[in-house]
Amino acid sequence: MVVATHGGGARQGVGHLLGWDHAVLRSVGSLANCHWTELRHDDVRGWHLRAHNVGLITQPALTEPV
């Protein structure tokens, strides 16, 4: 499932889904433009945060010498 929203709304929704209290929720940053959060669900753990504020890498992290 994909849900599109604004960064602050995404943070609030994720926090509510995961049952975080307000102090924990405030420690997580809002999403930057064109970034996403990945949640996973399994039968043992339920919903859990897999990644947050992930975006495309526009430049290689390492470059090989020429």
N, C-alpha and C. Protein backbone atom coordinates (compact mmCIF):
# COMPACT_ATOMS: atom_id res chain seq x y z
N MET A 1 0.83 -1.15 0.00
CA MET A 1 0.00 0.00 0.00
C MET A 1 0.90 1.24 0.00
N VAL A 2 0.51 2.26 -0.72
CA VAL A 2 1.22 3.53 -0.74
C VAL A 2 0.25 4.62 -0.29
N VAL A 3 0.72 5.46 0.63
CA VAL A 3 -0.07 6.59 1.11
C VAL A 3 0.75 7.84 0.86
N ALA A 4 0.18 8.82 0.20
CA ALA A 4 0.87 10.09 -0.06
C ALA A 4 0.30 11.16 0.86
N THR A 5 1.20 11.90 1.52
CA THR A 5 0.77 12.94 2.46
C THR A 5 1.91 13.91 2.67
N HIS A 6 1.70 14.89 3.50
CA HIS A 6 2.76 15.82 3.88
C HIS A 6 3.60 15.21 4.99
N GLY A 7 4.82 15.72 5.17
CA GLY A 7 5.77 15.15 6.12
C GLY A 7 5.28 15.08 7.55
N GLY A 8 4.68 16.16 8.05
CA GLY A 8 4.19 16.16 9.43
C GLY A 8 3.03 15.20 9.62
N GLY A 9 2.16 15.13 8.62
CA GLY A 9 1.03 14.20 8.68
C GLY A 9 1.50 12.75 8.65
N ALA A 10 2.53 12.49 7.86
CA ALA A 10 3.09 11.13 7.81
C ALA A 10 3.65 10.74 9.17
N ARG A 11 4.36 11.65 9.79
CA ARG A 11 4.93 11.37 11.11
C ARG A 11 3.84 11.09 12.13
N GLN A 12 2.80 11.90 12.13
CA GLN A 12 1.69 11.70 13.06
C GLN A 12 0.99 10.36 12.82
N GLY A 13 0.76 10.04 11.55
CA GLY A 13 0.10 8.78 11.22
C GLY A 13 0.91 7.57 11.62
N VAL A 14 2.21 7.61 11.35
CA VAL A 14 3.09 6.51 11.72
C VAL A 14 3.12 6.36 13.24
N GLY A 15 3.25 7.46 13.94
CA GLY A 15 3.27 7.41 15.40
C GLY A 15 2.00 6.83 15.98
N HIS A 16 0.87 7.21 15.40
CA HIS A 16 -0.41 6.67 15.88
C HIS A 16 -0.50 5.17 15.60
N LEU A 17 -0.13 4.76 14.40
CA LEU A 17 -0.18 3.34 14.03
C LEU A 17 0.72 2.49 14.93
N LEU A 18 1.89 3.03 15.28
CA LEU A 18 2.84 2.28 16.10
C LEU A 18 2.61 2.44 17.60
N GLY A 19 1.66 3.29 17.98
CA GLY A 19 1.34 3.45 19.39
C GLY A 19 2.37 4.25 20.17
N TRP A 20 3.09 5.15 19.51
CA TRP A 20 4.11 5.94 20.18
C TRP A 20 3.46 7.04 21.02
N ASP A 21 4.07 7.33 22.17
CA ASP A 21 3.59 8.47 22.94
C ASP A 21 4.16 9.75 22.34
N HIS A 22 3.66 10.87 22.83
CA HIS A 22 4.00 12.17 22.24
C HIS A 22 5.51 12.47 22.30
N ALA A 23 6.17 12.09 23.38
CA ALA A 23 7.61 12.36 23.52
C ALA A 23 8.41 11.63 22.45
N VAL A 24 8.05 10.40 22.17
CA VAL A 24 8.75 9.63 21.13
C VAL A 24 8.46 10.24 19.78
N LEU A 25 7.22 10.56 19.53
CA LEU A 25 6.81 11.12 18.25
C LEU A 25 7.56 12.42 17.95
N ARG A 26 7.76 13.24 18.95
CA ARG A 26 8.46 14.52 18.74
C ARG A 26 9.94 14.33 18.45
N SER A 27 10.49 13.16 18.77
CA SER A 27 11.91 12.92 18.51
C SER A 27 12.18 12.47 17.07
N VAL A 28 11.12 12.20 16.33
CA VAL A 28 11.25 11.77 14.94
C VAL A 28 10.99 12.96 14.03
N GLY A 29 11.88 13.20 13.10
CA GLY A 29 11.73 14.34 12.20
C GLY A 29 10.64 14.12 11.16
N SER A 30 10.12 15.22 10.64
CA SER A 30 9.16 15.14 9.53
C SER A 30 9.87 14.69 8.26
N LEU A 31 9.11 14.21 7.32
CA LEU A 31 9.70 13.78 6.06
C LEU A 31 10.12 14.98 5.21
N ALA A 32 11.25 14.86 4.57
CA ALA A 32 11.68 15.86 3.59
C ALA A 32 10.88 15.67 2.31
N ASN A 33 10.95 16.63 1.40
CA ASN A 33 10.25 16.51 0.13
C ASN A 33 10.69 15.27 -0.62
N CYS A 34 9.72 14.56 -1.17
CA CYS A 34 9.96 13.36 -1.99
C CYS A 34 10.67 12.24 -1.24
N HIS A 35 10.45 12.14 0.06
CA HIS A 35 11.02 11.08 0.88
C HIS A 35 9.90 10.19 1.40
N TRP A 36 10.26 9.07 1.97
CA TRP A 36 9.23 8.14 2.43
C TRP A 36 9.64 7.42 3.70
N THR A 37 8.64 6.79 4.29
CA THR A 37 8.80 5.95 5.48
C THR A 37 8.35 4.56 5.09
N GLU A 38 9.06 3.55 5.55
CA GLU A 38 8.69 2.17 5.26
C GLU A 38 8.31 1.46 6.55
N LEU A 39 7.12 0.91 6.55
CA LEU A 39 6.62 0.13 7.67
C LEU A 39 6.50 -1.33 7.23
N ARG A 40 6.70 -2.22 8.16
CA ARG A 40 6.54 -3.66 7.88
C ARG A 40 5.60 -4.24 8.93
N HIS A 41 4.92 -5.29 8.54
CA HIS A 41 4.03 -5.99 9.47
C HIS A 41 4.34 -7.47 9.42
N ASP A 42 4.46 -8.06 10.59
CA ASP A 42 4.55 -9.52 10.67
C ASP A 42 3.68 -9.99 11.82
N ASP A 43 3.40 -11.29 11.83
CA ASP A 43 2.47 -11.84 12.81
C ASP A 43 2.99 -11.79 14.24
N VAL A 44 4.30 -11.76 14.43
CA VAL A 44 4.88 -11.75 15.77
C VAL A 44 5.02 -10.33 16.31
N ARG A 45 5.64 -9.44 15.53
CA ARG A 45 5.93 -8.08 16.00
C ARG A 45 4.84 -7.07 15.69
N GLY A 46 3.95 -7.40 14.80
CA GLY A 46 2.95 -6.42 14.36
C GLY A 46 3.63 -5.39 13.46
N TRP A 47 3.15 -4.16 13.49
CA TRP A 47 3.75 -3.09 12.69
C TRP A 47 5.03 -2.60 13.33
N HIS A 48 6.06 -2.36 12.51
CA HIS A 48 7.30 -1.77 13.01
C HIS A 48 7.91 -0.89 11.93
N LEU A 49 8.68 0.08 12.37
CA LEU A 49 9.33 1.04 11.48
C LEU A 49 10.58 0.41 10.91
N ARG A 50 10.65 0.33 9.60
CA ARG A 50 11.83 -0.24 8.94
C ARG A 50 12.78 0.86 8.46
N ALA A 51 12.23 1.97 7.97
CA ALA A 51 13.06 3.07 7.48
C ALA A 51 12.25 4.36 7.56
N HIS A 52 12.94 5.48 7.73
CA HIS A 52 12.25 6.77 7.81
C HIS A 52 13.08 7.84 7.13
N ASN A 53 12.40 8.71 6.41
CA ASN A 53 12.99 9.84 5.72
C ASN A 53 14.01 9.39 4.66
N VAL A 54 13.63 8.36 3.93
CA VAL A 54 14.47 7.80 2.87
C VAL A 54 14.15 8.49 1.56
N GLY A 55 15.18 8.80 0.80
CA GLY A 55 14.99 9.41 -0.52
C GLY A 55 15.99 8.86 -1.50
N LEU A 56 15.84 9.27 -2.73
CA LEU A 56 16.76 8.84 -3.76
C LEU A 56 18.13 9.48 -3.56
N ILE A 57 19.16 8.73 -3.81
CA ILE A 57 20.52 9.25 -3.75
C ILE A 57 20.85 9.83 -5.12
N THR A 58 21.15 11.11 -5.16
CA THR A 58 21.40 11.76 -6.45
C THR A 58 22.86 11.70 -6.86
N GLN A 59 23.75 11.44 -5.93
CA GLN A 59 25.17 11.32 -6.23
C GLN A 59 25.69 10.05 -5.58
N PRO A 60 26.65 9.40 -6.20
CA PRO A 60 27.20 8.18 -5.59
C PRO A 60 27.87 8.51 -4.24
N ALA A 61 27.70 7.61 -3.29
CA ALA A 61 28.30 7.81 -1.98
C ALA A 61 29.83 7.66 -2.06
N LEU A 62 30.31 6.74 -2.87
CA LEU A 62 31.74 6.52 -3.05
C LEU A 62 32.04 6.56 -4.54
N THR A 63 33.16 7.11 -4.90
CA THR A 63 33.56 7.11 -6.30
C THR A 63 34.89 6.39 -6.42
N GLU A 64 35.05 5.67 -7.49
CA GLU A 64 36.30 4.98 -7.73
C GLU A 64 37.29 5.94 -8.40
N PRO A 65 38.59 5.80 -8.09
CA PRO A 65 39.58 6.67 -8.73
C PRO A 65 39.60 6.42 -10.23
N VAL A 66 39.83 7.48 -10.95
CA VAL A 66 39.86 7.38 -12.42
C VAL A 66 41.27 7.17 -12.89
